[in-house]
Structures are given as C-alpha cells and as structure tokens.
Amino acid sequence: MKKYSEKPSKQRKRHFNAPLHKKHSLVSSHIAPTLRGKINSRSLPLRKGDKVRVMRGDFKDHEGEITKVDLKAIKVYVEGANIEKTDGTKVQYPIHPSNLEIIDIDRKDDMRDRAIKRKGE
C-alpha cells in the first residue's frame, strides 16, 4: 500500500506547500570533509551565522556567512553574493541549500550543540 503519490507534480506540490517545521530539514546542506570527522555527520540544517562555500552557480567557490534563511522559499542568502539590479542597487542573491557546503558552524547557542551531538550519535 502506497502512502503518497509518485507523480512528480504532486511530489513538488508537497515539497513547496510543506509546513515550516518540515521545511527546516529541507534547508540542509553538506558538511565539508574537514568538519565531518569532528561532527560524525554528513549534513546539517543551515542557520544564520554559519560559514558556507558555494559549490554551484554564478557564485561558485565564493565563501561567506549566512545572513538570512528563507524557509518559505527554501533559499539562503550568503554575505557577499550580490547582484546589481538595472537601477544600480545591489541585492543579495538567493541560493538553494543544495548548492552550498558548510565550512564552519556557528555554535552560539546550546540548542545547536545538542542537535549536533544528537545527530552524530
């Protein structure tokens, strides 16, 4: 017995209309190989303050700190990844989390450490 439809259109609909607490896990990214040994995990949900490297797209190899995580659009804004609009103003470019790699984790709060410990066990 199938639980969900296999139709790609319905899968996309479920993906984009998911509640915010489920979208949090969709905003996950791979961890750099140098950090993987310390954390015992392959990926983590992204948070404001994490340092990331862009792996694909126009900003490939750009490194910067996450300034904003947009759960609704499933996009992340990285410091320094800016584009210039036609009127000359610079705006941050939204990047999908699958195109990022975490190179340094922001450990300002205790909840993040507990999540990392729980995930690595």
PDB file of N, CA and C in Angstrom:
ATOM      1  N   MET A   1       0.831  -1.180   0.000  1.00  0.00           N
ATOM      2  CA  MET A   1       0.000   0.000   0.000  1.00  0.00           C
ATOM      3  C   MET A   1       0.884   1.254   0.000  1.00  0.00           C
ATOM      4  N   LYS A   2       0.673   2.120  -0.980  1.00  0.00           N
ATOM      5  CA  LYS A   2       1.446   3.350  -1.077  1.00  0.00           C
ATOM      6  C   LYS A   2       0.871   4.407  -0.151  1.00  0.00           C
ATOM      7  N   LYS A   3       1.773   5.173   0.423  1.00  0.00           N
ATOM      8  CA  LYS A   3       1.336   6.241   1.320  1.00  0.00           C
ATOM      9  C   LYS A   3       1.105   7.541   0.558  1.00  0.00           C
ATOM     10  N   TYR A   4       2.015   7.860  -0.402  1.00  0.00           N
ATOM     11  CA  TYR A   4       1.917   9.095  -1.168  1.00  0.00           C
ATOM     12  C   TYR A   4       1.967   8.791  -2.655  1.00  0.00           C
ATOM     13  N   SER A   5       1.497   9.731  -3.432  1.00  0.00           N
ATOM     14  CA  SER A   5       1.534   9.607  -4.883  1.00  0.00           C
ATOM     15  C   SER A   5       2.977   9.677  -5.378  1.00  0.00           C
ATOM     16  N   GLU A   6       3.252   8.975  -6.467  1.00  0.00           N
ATOM     17  CA  GLU A   6       4.587   9.011  -7.064  1.00  0.00           C
ATOM     18  C   GLU A   6       4.679  10.041  -8.180  1.00  0.00           C
ATOM     19  N   LYS A   7       3.571  10.696  -8.480  1.00  0.00           N
ATOM     20  CA  LYS A   7       3.583  11.690  -9.550  1.00  0.00           C
ATOM     21  C   LYS A   7       4.519  12.839  -9.193  1.00  0.00           C
ATOM     22  N   PRO A   8       5.434  13.214 -10.104  1.00  0.00           N
ATOM     23  CA  PRO A   8       6.359  14.305  -9.807  1.00  0.00           C
ATOM     24  C   PRO A   8       5.655  15.614  -9.474  1.00  0.00           C
ATOM     25  N   SER A   9       4.545  15.895 -10.129  1.00  0.00           N
ATOM     26  CA  SER A   9       3.839  17.152  -9.867  1.00  0.00           C
ATOM     27  C   SER A   9       3.310  17.190  -8.437  1.00  0.00           C
ATOM     28  N   LYS A  10       2.820  16.055  -7.956  1.00  0.00           N
ATOM     29  CA  LYS A  10       2.310  16.010  -6.583  1.00  0.00           C
ATOM     30  C   LYS A  10       3.453  16.035  -5.565  1.00  0.00           C
ATOM     31  N   GLN A  11       4.593  15.451  -5.934  1.00  0.00           N
ATOM     32  CA  GLN A  11       5.758  15.497  -5.055  1.00  0.00           C
ATOM     33  C   GLN A  11       6.249  16.938  -4.908  1.00  0.00           C
ATOM     34  N   ARG A  12       6.292  17.662  -6.020  1.00  0.00           N
ATOM     35  CA  ARG A  12       6.687  19.069  -5.977  1.00  0.00           C
ATOM     36  C   ARG A  12       5.710  19.878  -5.140  1.00  0.00           C
ATOM     37  N   LYS A  13       4.423  19.597  -5.297  1.00  0.00           N
ATOM     38  CA  LYS A  13       3.397  20.305  -4.529  1.00  0.00           C
ATOM     39  C   LYS A  13       3.596  20.074  -3.023  1.00  0.00           C
ATOM     40  N   ARG A  14       3.862  18.826  -2.622  1.00  0.00           N
ATOM     41  CA  ARG A  14       4.107  18.512  -1.214  1.00  0.00           C
ATOM     42  C   ARG A  14       5.361  19.223  -0.704  1.00  0.00           C
ATOM     43  N   HIS A  15       6.373  19.290  -1.571  1.00  0.00           N
ATOM     44  CA  HIS A  15       7.648  19.913  -1.211  1.00  0.00           C
ATOM     45  C   HIS A  15       7.471  21.410  -0.935  1.00  0.00           C
ATOM     46  N   PHE A  16       6.803  22.104  -1.848  1.00  0.00           N
ATOM     47  CA  PHE A  16       6.683  23.550  -1.726  1.00  0.00           C
ATOM     48  C   PHE A  16       5.565  23.996  -0.788  1.00  0.00           C
ATOM     49  N   ASN A  17       4.586  23.150  -0.527  1.00  0.00           N
ATOM     50  CA  ASN A  17       3.490  23.501   0.377  1.00  0.00           C
ATOM     51  C   ASN A  17       3.650  22.890   1.767  1.00  0.00           C
ATOM     52  N   ALA A  18       4.833  22.354   2.060  1.00  0.00           N
ATOM     53  CA  ALA A  18       5.080  21.733   3.361  1.00  0.00           C
ATOM     54  C   ALA A  18       5.034  22.792   4.464  1.00  0.00           C
ATOM     55  N   PRO A  19       4.648  22.392   5.680  1.00  0.00           N
ATOM     56  CA  PRO A  19       4.665  23.340   6.799  1.00  0.00           C
ATOM     57  C   PRO A  19       6.106  23.721   7.158  1.00  0.00           C
ATOM     58  N   LEU A  20       6.271  24.872   7.804  1.00  0.00           N
ATOM     59  CA  LEU A  20       7.606  25.407   8.079  1.00  0.00           C
ATOM     60  C   LEU A  20       8.467  24.480   8.930  1.00  0.00           C
ATOM     61  N   HIS A  21       7.872  23.755   9.874  1.00  0.00           N
ATOM     62  CA  HIS A  21       8.690  22.878  10.712  1.00  0.00           C
ATOM     63  C   HIS A  21       9.262  21.714   9.912  1.00  0.00           C
ATOM     64  N   LYS A  22       8.636  21.357   8.796  1.00  0.00           N
ATOM     65  CA  LYS A  22       9.193  20.316   7.930  1.00  0.00           C
ATOM     66  C   LYS A  22      10.155  20.905   6.902  1.00  0.00           C
ATOM     67  N   LYS A  23       9.939  22.170   6.531  1.00  0.00           N
ATOM     68  CA  LYS A  23      10.846  22.817   5.580  1.00  0.00           C
ATOM     69  C   LYS A  23      12.218  23.049   6.206  1.00  0.00           C
ATOM     70  N   HIS A  24      12.278  23.094   7.533  1.00  0.00           N
ATOM     71  CA  HIS A  24      13.562  23.298   8.214  1.00  0.00           C
ATOM     72  C   HIS A  24      14.573  22.226   7.809  1.00  0.00           C
ATOM     73  N   SER A  25      14.129  20.979   7.663  1.00  0.00           N
ATOM     74  CA  SER A  25      15.048  19.915   7.264  1.00  0.00           C
ATOM     75  C   SER A  25      15.389  19.994   5.777  1.00  0.00           C
ATOM     76  N   LEU A  26      14.543  20.672   4.980  1.00  0.00           N
ATOM     77  CA  LEU A  26      14.838  20.838   3.554  1.00  0.00           C
ATOM     78  C   LEU A  26      15.944  21.868   3.337  1.00  0.00           C
ATOM     79  N   VAL A  27      16.160  22.731   4.330  1.00  0.00           N
ATOM     80  CA  VAL A  27      17.206  23.741   4.229  1.00  0.00           C
ATOM     81  C   VAL A  27      18.483  23.183   4.866  1.00  0.00           C
ATOM     82  N   SER A  28      18.870  21.974   4.442  1.00  0.00           N
ATOM     83  CA  SER A  28      20.075  21.316   4.928  1.00  0.00           C
ATOM     84  C   SER A  28      21.131  21.332   3.844  1.00  0.00           C
ATOM     85  N   SER A  29      22.372  21.237   4.286  1.00  0.00           N
ATOM     86  CA  SER A  29      23.482  21.269   3.348  1.00  0.00           C
ATOM     87  C   SER A  29      24.576  20.319   3.814  1.00  0.00           C
ATOM     88  N   HIS A  30      25.407  19.890   2.871  1.00  0.00           N
ATOM     89  CA  HIS A  30      26.530  19.012   3.192  1.00  0.00           C
ATOM     90  C   HIS A  30      27.548  19.736   4.059  1.00  0.00           C
ATOM     91  N   ILE A  31      28.279  18.966   4.847  1.00  0.00           N
ATOM     92  CA  ILE A  31      29.349  19.493   5.677  1.00  0.00           C
ATOM     93  C   ILE A  31      30.668  19.214   4.967  1.00  0.00           C
ATOM     94  N   ALA A  32      31.601  20.156   5.015  1.00  0.00           N
ATOM     95  CA  ALA A  32      32.912  19.979   4.394  1.00  0.00           C
ATOM     96  C   ALA A  32      33.609  18.752   4.985  1.00  0.00           C
ATOM     97  N   PRO A  33      34.359  18.024   4.175  1.00  0.00           N
ATOM     98  CA  PRO A  33      35.041  16.809   4.658  1.00  0.00           C
ATOM     99  C   PRO A  33      35.935  17.040   5.869  1.00  0.00           C
ATOM    100  N   THR A  34      36.498  18.240   6.005  1.00  0.00           N
ATOM    101  CA  THR A  34      37.356  18.532   7.157  1.00  0.00           C
ATOM    102  C   THR A  34      36.561  18.573   8.461  1.00  0.00           C
ATOM    103  N   LEU A  35      35.278  18.966   8.389  1.00  0.00           N
ATOM    104  CA  LEU A  35      34.428  19.034   9.590  1.00  0.00           C
ATOM    105  C   LEU A  35      33.711  17.723   9.882  1.00  0.00           C
ATOM    106  N   ARG A  36      33.535  16.890   8.867  1.00  0.00           N
ATOM    107  CA  ARG A  36      32.748  15.659   9.036  1.00  0.00           C
ATOM    108  C   ARG A  36      33.279  14.765  10.141  1.00  0.00           C
ATOM    109  N   GLY A  37      34.590  14.670  10.259  1.00  0.00           N
ATOM    110  CA  GLY A  37      35.189  13.817  11.287  1.00  0.00           C
ATOM    111  C   GLY A  37      34.885  14.303  12.691  1.00  0.00           C
ATOM    112  N   LYS A  38      34.834  15.624  12.878  1.00  0.00           N
ATOM    113  CA  LYS A  38      34.573  16.191  14.208  1.00  0.00           C
ATOM    114  C   LYS A  38      33.111  16.033  14.607  1.00  0.00           C
ATOM    115  N   ILE A  39      32.210  16.096  13.622  1.00  0.00           N
ATOM    116  CA  ILE A  39      30.778  16.114  13.909  1.00  0.00           C
ATOM    117  C   ILE A  39      30.128  14.739  13.788  1.00  0.00           C
ATOM    118  N   ASN A  40      30.751  13.828  13.043  1.00  0.00           N
ATOM    119  CA  ASN A  40      30.183  12.498  12.776  1.00  0.00           C
ATOM    120  C   ASN A  40      28.855  12.587  12.045  1.00  0.00           C
ATOM    121  N   SER A  41      28.740  13.532  11.153  1.00  0.00           N
ATOM    122  CA  SER A  41      27.516  13.705  10.384  1.00  0.00           C
ATOM    123  C   SER A  41      27.880  14.203   8.999  1.00  0.00           C
ATOM    124  N   ARG A  42      27.016  13.909   8.039  1.00  0.00           N
ATOM    125  CA  ARG A  42      27.274  14.286   6.649  1.00  0.00           C
ATOM    126  C   ARG A  42      26.627  15.624   6.284  1.00  0.00           C
ATOM    127  N   SER A  43      25.488  15.948   6.937  1.00  0.00           N
ATOM    128  CA  SER A  43      24.785  17.193   6.630  1.00  0.00           C
ATOM    129  C   SER A  43      24.113  17.742   7.878  1.00  0.00           C
ATOM    130  N   LEU A  44      23.786  19.032   7.810  1.00  0.00           N
ATOM    131  CA  LEU A  44      23.102  19.723   8.910  1.00  0.00           C
ATOM    132  C   LEU A  44      22.184  20.792   8.332  1.00  0.00           C
ATOM    133  N   PRO A  45      21.081  21.096   9.025  1.00  0.00           N
ATOM    134  CA  PRO A  45      20.264  22.238   8.605  1.00  0.00           C
ATOM    135  C   PRO A  45      21.062  23.534   8.747  1.00  0.00           C
ATOM    136  N   LEU A  46      20.894  24.430   7.778  1.00  0.00           N
ATOM    137  CA  LEU A  46      21.626  25.695   7.784  1.00  0.00           C
ATOM    138  C   LEU A  46      20.993  26.678   8.755  1.00  0.00           C
ATOM    139  N   ARG A  47      21.840  27.554   9.307  1.00  0.00           N
ATOM    140  CA  ARG A  47      21.394  28.590  10.226  1.00  0.00           C
ATOM    141  C   ARG A  47      22.130  29.876   9.944  1.00  0.00           C
ATOM    142  N   LYS A  48      21.520  30.973  10.334  1.00  0.00           N
ATOM    143  CA  LYS A  48      22.169  32.274  10.209  1.00  0.00           C
ATOM    144  C   LYS A  48      23.463  32.244  11.027  1.00  0.00           C
ATOM    145  N   GLY A  49      24.544  32.697  10.416  1.00  0.00           N
ATOM    146  CA  GLY A  49      25.830  32.722  11.112  1.00  0.00           C
ATOM    147  C   GLY A  49      26.781  31.628  10.665  1.00  0.00           C
ATOM    148  N   ASP A  50      26.273  30.556  10.047  1.00  0.00           N
ATOM    149  CA  ASP A  50      27.147  29.503   9.535  1.00  0.00           C
ATOM    150  C   ASP A  50      27.982  30.044   8.380  1.00  0.00           C
ATOM    151  N   LYS A  51      29.208  29.556   8.275  1.00  0.00           N
ATOM    152  CA  LYS A  51      30.063  29.945   7.151  1.00  0.00           C
ATOM    153  C   LYS A  51      29.956  28.852   6.097  1.00  0.00           C
ATOM    154  N   VAL A  52      29.665  29.250   4.852  1.00  0.00           N
ATOM    155  CA  VAL A  52      29.435  28.284   3.777  1.00  0.00           C
ATOM    156  C   VAL A  52      30.265  28.624   2.544  1.00  0.00           C
ATOM    157  N   ARG A  53      30.438  27.600   1.690  1.00  0.00           N
ATOM    158  CA  ARG A  53      31.084  27.759   0.390  1.00  0.00           C
ATOM    159  C   ARG A  53      30.057  27.404  -0.674  1.00  0.00           C
ATOM    160  N   VAL A  54      29.940  28.249  -1.699  1.00  0.00           N
ATOM    161  CA  VAL A  54      29.015  27.989  -2.801  1.00  0.00           C
ATOM    162  C   VAL A  54      29.693  27.000  -3.750  1.00  0.00           C
ATOM    163  N   MET A  55      29.006  25.901  -4.063  1.00  0.00           N
ATOM    164  CA  MET A  55      29.590  24.836  -4.885  1.00  0.00           C
ATOM    165  C   MET A  55      29.130  24.893  -6.343  1.00  0.00           C
ATOM    166  N   ARG A  56      28.003  25.509  -6.616  1.00  0.00           N
ATOM    167  CA  ARG A  56      27.455  25.560  -7.971  1.00  0.00           C
ATOM    168  C   ARG A  56      26.913  26.958  -8.264  1.00  0.00           C
ATOM    169  N   GLY A  57      26.808  27.278  -9.547  1.00  0.00           N
ATOM    170  CA  GLY A  57      26.159  28.515  -9.955  1.00  0.00           C
ATOM    171  C   GLY A  57      27.132  29.651 -10.206  1.00  0.00           C
ATOM    172  N   ASP A  58      26.575  30.850 -10.341  1.00  0.00           N
ATOM    173  CA  ASP A  58      27.355  32.042 -10.665  1.00  0.00           C
ATOM    174  C   ASP A  58      28.371  32.399  -9.581  1.00  0.00           C
ATOM    175  N   PHE A  59      28.099  32.036  -8.355  1.00  0.00           N
ATOM    176  CA  PHE A  59      28.972  32.398  -7.241  1.00  0.00           C
ATOM    177  C   PHE A  59      29.818  31.218  -6.771  1.00  0.00           C
ATOM    178  N   LYS A  60      30.117  30.287  -7.661  1.00  0.00           N
ATOM    179  CA  LYS A  60      30.896  29.100  -7.321  1.00  0.00           C
ATOM    180  C   LYS A  60      32.222  29.500  -6.672  1.00  0.00           C
ATOM    181  N   ASP A  61      32.594  28.777  -5.608  1.00  0.00           N
ATOM    182  CA  ASP A  61      33.815  28.977  -4.817  1.00  0.00           C
ATOM    183  C   ASP A  61      33.777  30.227  -3.932  1.00  0.00           C
ATOM    184  N   HIS A  62      32.645  30.937  -3.898  1.00  0.00           N
ATOM    185  CA  HIS A  62      32.511  32.089  -3.005  1.00  0.00           C
ATOM    186  C   HIS A  62      32.260  31.573  -1.586  1.00  0.00           C
ATOM    187  N   GLU A  63      32.946  32.150  -0.614  1.00  0.00           N
ATOM    188  CA  GLU A  63      32.750  31.778   0.786  1.00  0.00           C
ATOM    189  C   GLU A  63      32.216  32.984   1.540  1.00  0.00           C
ATOM    190  N   GLY A  64      31.271  32.730   2.423  1.00  0.00           N
ATOM    191  CA  GLY A  64      30.705  33.807   3.214  1.00  0.00           C
ATOM    192  C   GLY A  64      29.797  33.286   4.300  1.00  0.00           C
ATOM    193  N   GLU A  65      29.339  34.209   5.127  1.00  0.00           N
ATOM    194  CA  GLU A  65      28.466  33.872   6.253  1.00  0.00           C
ATOM    195  C   GLU A  65      27.007  33.994   5.817  1.00  0.00           C
ATOM    196  N   ILE A  66      26.167  33.122   6.334  1.00  0.00           N
ATOM    197  CA  ILE A  66      24.742  33.176   6.023  1.00  0.00           C
ATOM    198  C   ILE A  66      24.139  34.369   6.762  1.00  0.00           C
ATOM    199  N   THR A  67      23.446  35.234   6.008  1.00  0.00           N
ATOM    200  CA  THR A  67      22.825  36.409   6.617  1.00  0.00           C
ATOM    201  C   THR A  67      21.331  36.203   6.833  1.00  0.00           C
ATOM    202  N   LYS A  68      20.712  35.322   6.034  1.00  0.00           N
ATOM    203  CA  LYS A  68      19.277  35.098   6.154  1.00  0.00           C
ATOM    204  C   LYS A  68      18.924  33.723   5.610  1.00  0.00           C
ATOM    205  N   VAL A  69      18.014  33.030   6.288  1.00  0.00           N
ATOM    206  CA  VAL A  69      17.489  31.748   5.814  1.00  0.00           C
ATOM    207  C   VAL A  69      16.000  31.947   5.570  1.00  0.00           C
ATOM    208  N   ASP A  70      15.578  31.733   4.329  1.00  0.00           N
ATOM    209  CA  ASP A  70      14.174  31.901   3.955  1.00  0.00           C
ATOM    210  C   ASP A  70      13.533  30.524   3.848  1.00  0.00           C
ATOM    211  N   LEU A  71      12.835  30.100   4.911  1.00  0.00           N
ATOM    212  CA  LEU A  71      12.208  28.780   4.920  1.00  0.00           C
ATOM    213  C   LEU A  71      11.064  28.693   3.913  1.00  0.00           C
ATOM    214  N   LYS A  72      10.354  29.775   3.737  1.00  0.00           N
ATOM    215  CA  LYS A  72       9.203  29.753   2.853  1.00  0.00           C
ATOM    216  C   LYS A  72       9.613  29.472   1.407  1.00  0.00           C
ATOM    217  N   ALA A  73      10.694  30.092   0.968  1.00  0.00           N
ATOM    218  CA  ALA A  73      11.153  29.919  -0.410  1.00  0.00           C
ATOM    219  C   ALA A  73      12.211  28.832  -0.544  1.00  0.00           C
ATOM    220  N   ILE A  74      12.666  28.256   0.584  1.00  0.00           N
ATOM    221  CA  ILE A  74      13.742  27.266   0.628  1.00  0.00           C
ATOM    222  C   ILE A  74      15.000  27.842  -0.034  1.00  0.00           C
ATOM    223  N   LYS A  75      15.398  29.025   0.394  1.00  0.00           N
ATOM    224  CA  LYS A  75      16.583  29.713  -0.126  1.00  0.00           C
ATOM    225  C   LYS A  75      17.409  30.266   1.032  1.00  0.00           C
ATOM    226  N   VAL A  76      18.692  30.508   0.752  1.00  0.00           N
ATOM    227  CA  VAL A  76      19.622  31.031   1.737  1.00  0.00           C
ATOM    228  C   VAL A  76      20.335  32.233   1.134  1.00  0.00           C
ATOM    229  N   TYR A  77      20.591  33.252   1.952  1.00  0.00           N
ATOM    230  CA  TYR A  77      21.309  34.442   1.498  1.00  0.00           C
ATOM    231  C   TYR A  77      22.691  34.453   2.133  1.00  0.00           C
ATOM    232  N   VAL A  78      23.724  34.544   1.280  1.00  0.00           N
ATOM    233  CA  VAL A  78      25.114  34.489   1.732  1.00  0.00           C
ATOM    234  C   VAL A  78      25.740  35.872   1.579  1.00  0.00           C
ATOM    235  N   GLU A  79      26.489  36.258   2.608  1.00  0.00           N
ATOM    236  CA  GLU A  79      27.165  37.554   2.610  1.00  0.00           C
ATOM    237  C   GLU A  79      28.132  37.640   1.426  1.00  0.00           C
ATOM    238  N   GLY A  80      28.008  38.698   0.633  1.00  0.00           N
ATOM    239  CA  GLY A  80      28.905  38.900  -0.499  1.00  0.00           C
ATOM    240  C   GLY A  80      28.395  38.359  -1.816  1.00  0.00           C
ATOM    241  N   ALA A  81      27.354  37.529  -1.795  1.00  0.00           N
ATOM    242  CA  ALA A  81      26.768  37.005  -3.035  1.00  0.00           C
ATOM    243  C   ALA A  81      25.680  37.983  -3.467  1.00  0.00           C
ATOM    244  N   ASN A  82      26.094  39.057  -4.126  1.00  0.00           N
ATOM    245  CA  ASN A  82      25.191  40.136  -4.516  1.00  0.00           C
ATOM    246  C   ASN A  82      25.105  40.248  -6.030  1.00  0.00           C
ATOM    247  N   ILE A  83      23.962  40.711  -6.511  1.00  0.00           N
ATOM    248  CA  ILE A  83      23.813  41.048  -7.924  1.00  0.00           C
ATOM    249  C   ILE A  83      23.397  42.509  -8.014  1.00  0.00           C
ATOM    250  N   GLU A  84      23.661  43.104  -9.163  1.00  0.00           N
ATOM    251  CA  GLU A  84      23.289  44.502  -9.365  1.00  0.00           C
ATOM    252  C   GLU A  84      22.040  44.555 -10.224  1.00  0.00           C
ATOM    253  N   LYS A  85      21.017  45.249  -9.720  1.00  0.00           N
ATOM    254  CA  LYS A  85      19.783  45.422 -10.479  1.00  0.00           C
ATOM    255  C   LYS A  85      19.994  46.478 -11.565  1.00  0.00           C
ATOM    256  N   THR A  86      19.028  46.566 -12.471  1.00  0.00           N
ATOM    257  CA  THR A  86      19.164  47.505 -13.584  1.00  0.00           C
ATOM    258  C   THR A  86      19.211  48.958 -13.127  1.00  0.00           C
ATOM    259  N   ASP A  87      18.618  49.262 -11.977  1.00  0.00           N
ATOM    260  CA  ASP A  87      18.669  50.643 -11.480  1.00  0.00           C
ATOM    261  C   ASP A  87      19.945  50.929 -10.688  1.00  0.00           C
ATOM    262  N   GLY A  88      20.836  49.928 -10.580  1.00  0.00           N
ATOM    263  CA  GLY A  88      22.134  50.125  -9.940  1.00  0.00           C
ATOM    264  C   GLY A  88      22.217  49.676  -8.500  1.00  0.00           C
ATOM    265  N   THR A  89      21.089  49.336  -7.874  1.00  0.00           N
ATOM    266  CA  THR A  89      21.131  48.895  -6.479  1.00  0.00           C
ATOM    267  C   THR A  89      21.616  47.459  -6.404  1.00  0.00           C
ATOM    268  N   LYS A  90      22.346  47.153  -5.333  1.00  0.00           N
ATOM    269  CA  LYS A  90      22.841  45.788  -5.123  1.00  0.00           C
ATOM    270  C   LYS A  90      21.907  45.063  -4.164  1.00  0.00           C
ATOM    271  N   VAL A  91      21.558  43.824  -4.529  1.00  0.00           N
ATOM    272  CA  VAL A  91      20.709  42.994  -3.676  1.00  0.00           C
ATOM    273  C   VAL A  91      21.366  41.630  -3.512  1.00  0.00           C
ATOM    274  N   GLN A  92      21.101  41.001  -2.366  1.00  0.00           N
ATOM    275  CA  GLN A  92      21.647  39.661  -2.136  1.00  0.00           C
ATOM    276  C   GLN A  92      20.920  38.649  -3.008  1.00  0.00           C
ATOM    277  N   TYR A  93      21.672  37.690  -3.520  1.00  0.00           N
ATOM    278  CA  TYR A  93      21.139  36.677  -4.426  1.00  0.00           C
ATOM    279  C   TYR A  93      20.745  35.438  -3.631  1.00  0.00           C
ATOM    280  N   PRO A  94      19.506  34.962  -3.768  1.00  0.00           N
ATOM    281  CA  PRO A  94      19.101  33.758  -3.029  1.00  0.00           C
ATOM    282  C   PRO A  94      19.718  32.505  -3.646  1.00  0.00           C
ATOM    283  N   ILE A  95      20.243  31.618  -2.789  1.00  0.00           N
ATOM    284  CA  ILE A  95      20.908  30.401  -3.240  1.00  0.00           C
ATOM    285  C   ILE A  95      20.213  29.207  -2.604  1.00  0.00           C
ATOM    286  N   HIS A  96      20.015  28.150  -3.386  1.00  0.00           N
ATOM    287  CA  HIS A  96      19.397  26.928  -2.865  1.00  0.00           C
ATOM    288  C   HIS A  96      20.401  26.199  -1.976  1.00  0.00           C
ATOM    289  N   PRO A  97      19.959  25.642  -0.845  1.00  0.00           N
ATOM    290  CA  PRO A  97      20.872  24.994   0.102  1.00  0.00           C
ATOM    291  C   PRO A  97      21.644  23.800  -0.471  1.00  0.00           C
ATOM    292  N   SER A  98      21.113  23.155  -1.501  1.00  0.00           N
ATOM    293  CA  SER A  98      21.819  22.007  -2.082  1.00  0.00           C
ATOM    294  C   SER A  98      23.087  22.435  -2.807  1.00  0.00           C
ATOM    295  N   ASN A  99      23.228  23.724  -3.103  1.00  0.00           N
ATOM    296  CA  ASN A  99      24.403  24.225  -3.791  1.00  0.00           C
ATOM    297  C   ASN A  99      25.456  24.780  -2.832  1.00  0.00           C
ATOM    298  N   LEU A 100      25.283  24.532  -1.543  1.00  0.00           N
ATOM    299  CA  LEU A 100      26.194  25.051  -0.534  1.00  0.00           C
ATOM    300  C   LEU A 100      26.883  23.920   0.215  1.00  0.00           C
ATOM    301  N   GLU A 101      28.017  24.255   0.829  1.00  0.00           N
ATOM    302  CA  GLU A 101      28.738  23.317   1.690  1.00  0.00           C
ATOM    303  C   GLU A 101      29.129  24.068   2.951  1.00  0.00           C
ATOM    304  N   ILE A 102      28.812  23.507   4.111  1.00  0.00           N
ATOM    305  CA  ILE A 102      29.132  24.152   5.387  1.00  0.00           C
ATOM    306  C   ILE A 102      30.619  23.983   5.666  1.00  0.00           C
ATOM    307  N   ILE A 103      31.319  25.110   5.892  1.00  0.00           N
ATOM    308  CA  ILE A 103      32.747  25.023   6.206  1.00  0.00           C
ATOM    309  C   ILE A 103      33.049  25.414   7.659  1.00  0.00           C
ATOM    310  N   ASP A 104      32.106  26.095   8.304  1.00  0.00           N
ATOM    311  CA  ASP A 104      32.259  26.417   9.721  1.00  0.00           C
ATOM    312  C   ASP A 104      30.879  26.586  10.336  1.00  0.00           C
ATOM    313  N   ILE A 105      30.692  26.026  11.529  1.00  0.00           N
ATOM    314  CA  ILE A 105      29.379  26.022  12.171  1.00  0.00           C
ATOM    315  C   ILE A 105      29.336  27.088  13.265  1.00  0.00           C
ATOM    316  N   ASP A 106      28.234  27.830  13.293  1.00  0.00           N
ATOM    317  CA  ASP A 106      28.010  28.836  14.327  1.00  0.00           C
ATOM    318  C   ASP A 106      27.474  28.125  15.561  1.00  0.00           C
ATOM    319  N   ARG A 107      28.237  28.152  16.644  1.00  0.00           N
ATOM    320  CA  ARG A 107      27.837  27.445  17.871  1.00  0.00           C
ATOM    321  C   ARG A 107      27.547  28.429  18.996  1.00  0.00           C
ATOM    322  N   LYS A 108      26.758  29.458  18.699  1.00  0.00           N
ATOM    323  CA  LYS A 108      26.455  30.475  19.711  1.00  0.00           C
ATOM    324  C   LYS A 108      25.494  29.973  20.774  1.00  0.00           C
ATOM    325  N   ASP A 109      24.604  29.062  20.404  1.00  0.00           N
ATOM    326  CA  ASP A 109      23.614  28.620  21.389  1.00  0.00           C
ATOM    327  C   ASP A 109      23.751  27.129  21.693  1.00  0.00           C
ATOM    328  N   ASP A 110      23.227  26.773  22.847  1.00  0.00           N
ATOM    329  CA  ASP A 110      23.318  25.409  23.351  1.00  0.00           C
ATOM    330  C   ASP A 110      22.479  24.429  22.536  1.00  0.00           C
ATOM    331  N   MET A 111      21.373  24.907  21.970  1.00  0.00           N
ATOM    332  CA  MET A 111      20.494  24.014  21.209  1.00  0.00           C
ATOM    333  C   MET A 111      21.191  23.436  19.983  1.00  0.00           C
ATOM    334  N   ARG A 112      22.033  24.230  19.329  1.00  0.00           N
ATOM    335  CA  ARG A 112      22.760  23.753  18.144  1.00  0.00           C
ATOM    336  C   ARG A 112      23.733  22.648  18.524  1.00  0.00           C
ATOM    337  N   ASP A 113      24.433  22.808  19.654  1.00  0.00           N
ATOM    338  CA  ASP A 113      25.364  21.781  20.112  1.00  0.00           C
ATOM    339  C   ASP A 113      24.639  20.484  20.426  1.00  0.00           C
ATOM    340  N   ARG A 114      23.460  20.600  21.046  1.00  0.00           N
ATOM    341  CA  ARG A 114      22.674  19.397  21.354  1.00  0.00           C
ATOM    342  C   ARG A 114      22.200  18.702  20.084  1.00  0.00           C
ATOM    343  N   ALA A 115      21.806  19.492  19.078  1.00  0.00           N
ATOM    344  CA  ALA A 115      21.356  18.921  17.807  1.00  0.00           C
ATOM    345  C   ALA A 115      22.502  18.206  17.101  1.00  0.00           C
ATOM    346  N   ILE A 116      23.694  18.792  17.137  1.00  0.00           N
ATOM    347  CA  ILE A 116      24.862  18.174  16.505  1.00  0.00           C
ATOM    348  C   ILE A 116      25.227  16.885  17.228  1.00  0.00           C
ATOM    349  N   LYS A 117      25.182  16.915  18.543  1.00  0.00           N
ATOM    350  CA  LYS A 117      25.507  15.720  19.328  1.00  0.00           C
ATOM    351  C   LYS A 117      24.485  14.611  19.062  1.00  0.00           C
ATOM    352  N   ARG A 118      23.204  14.985  19.008  1.00  0.00           N
ATOM    353  CA  ARG A 118      22.140  14.013  18.767  1.00  0.00           C
ATOM    354  C   ARG A 118      22.274  13.399  17.369  1.00  0.00           C
ATOM    355  N   LYS A 119      22.610  14.218  16.399  1.00  0.00           N
ATOM    356  CA  LYS A 119      22.728  13.742  15.010  1.00  0.00           C
ATOM    357  C   LYS A 119      23.953  12.850  14.827  1.00  0.00           C
ATOM    358  N   GLY A 120      25.045  13.154  15.536  1.00  0.00           N
ATOM    359  CA  GLY A 120      26.287  12.403  15.383  1.00  0.00           C
ATOM    360  C   GLY A 120      26.297  11.055  16.076  1.00  0.00           C
ATOM    361  N   GLU A 121      25.348  10.824  16.973  1.00  0.00           N
ATOM    362  CA  GLU A 121      25.330   9.548  17.714  1.00  0.00           C
ATOM    363  C   GLU A 121      24.812   8.405  16.892  1.00  0.00           C
TER     364      GLU A 121
END
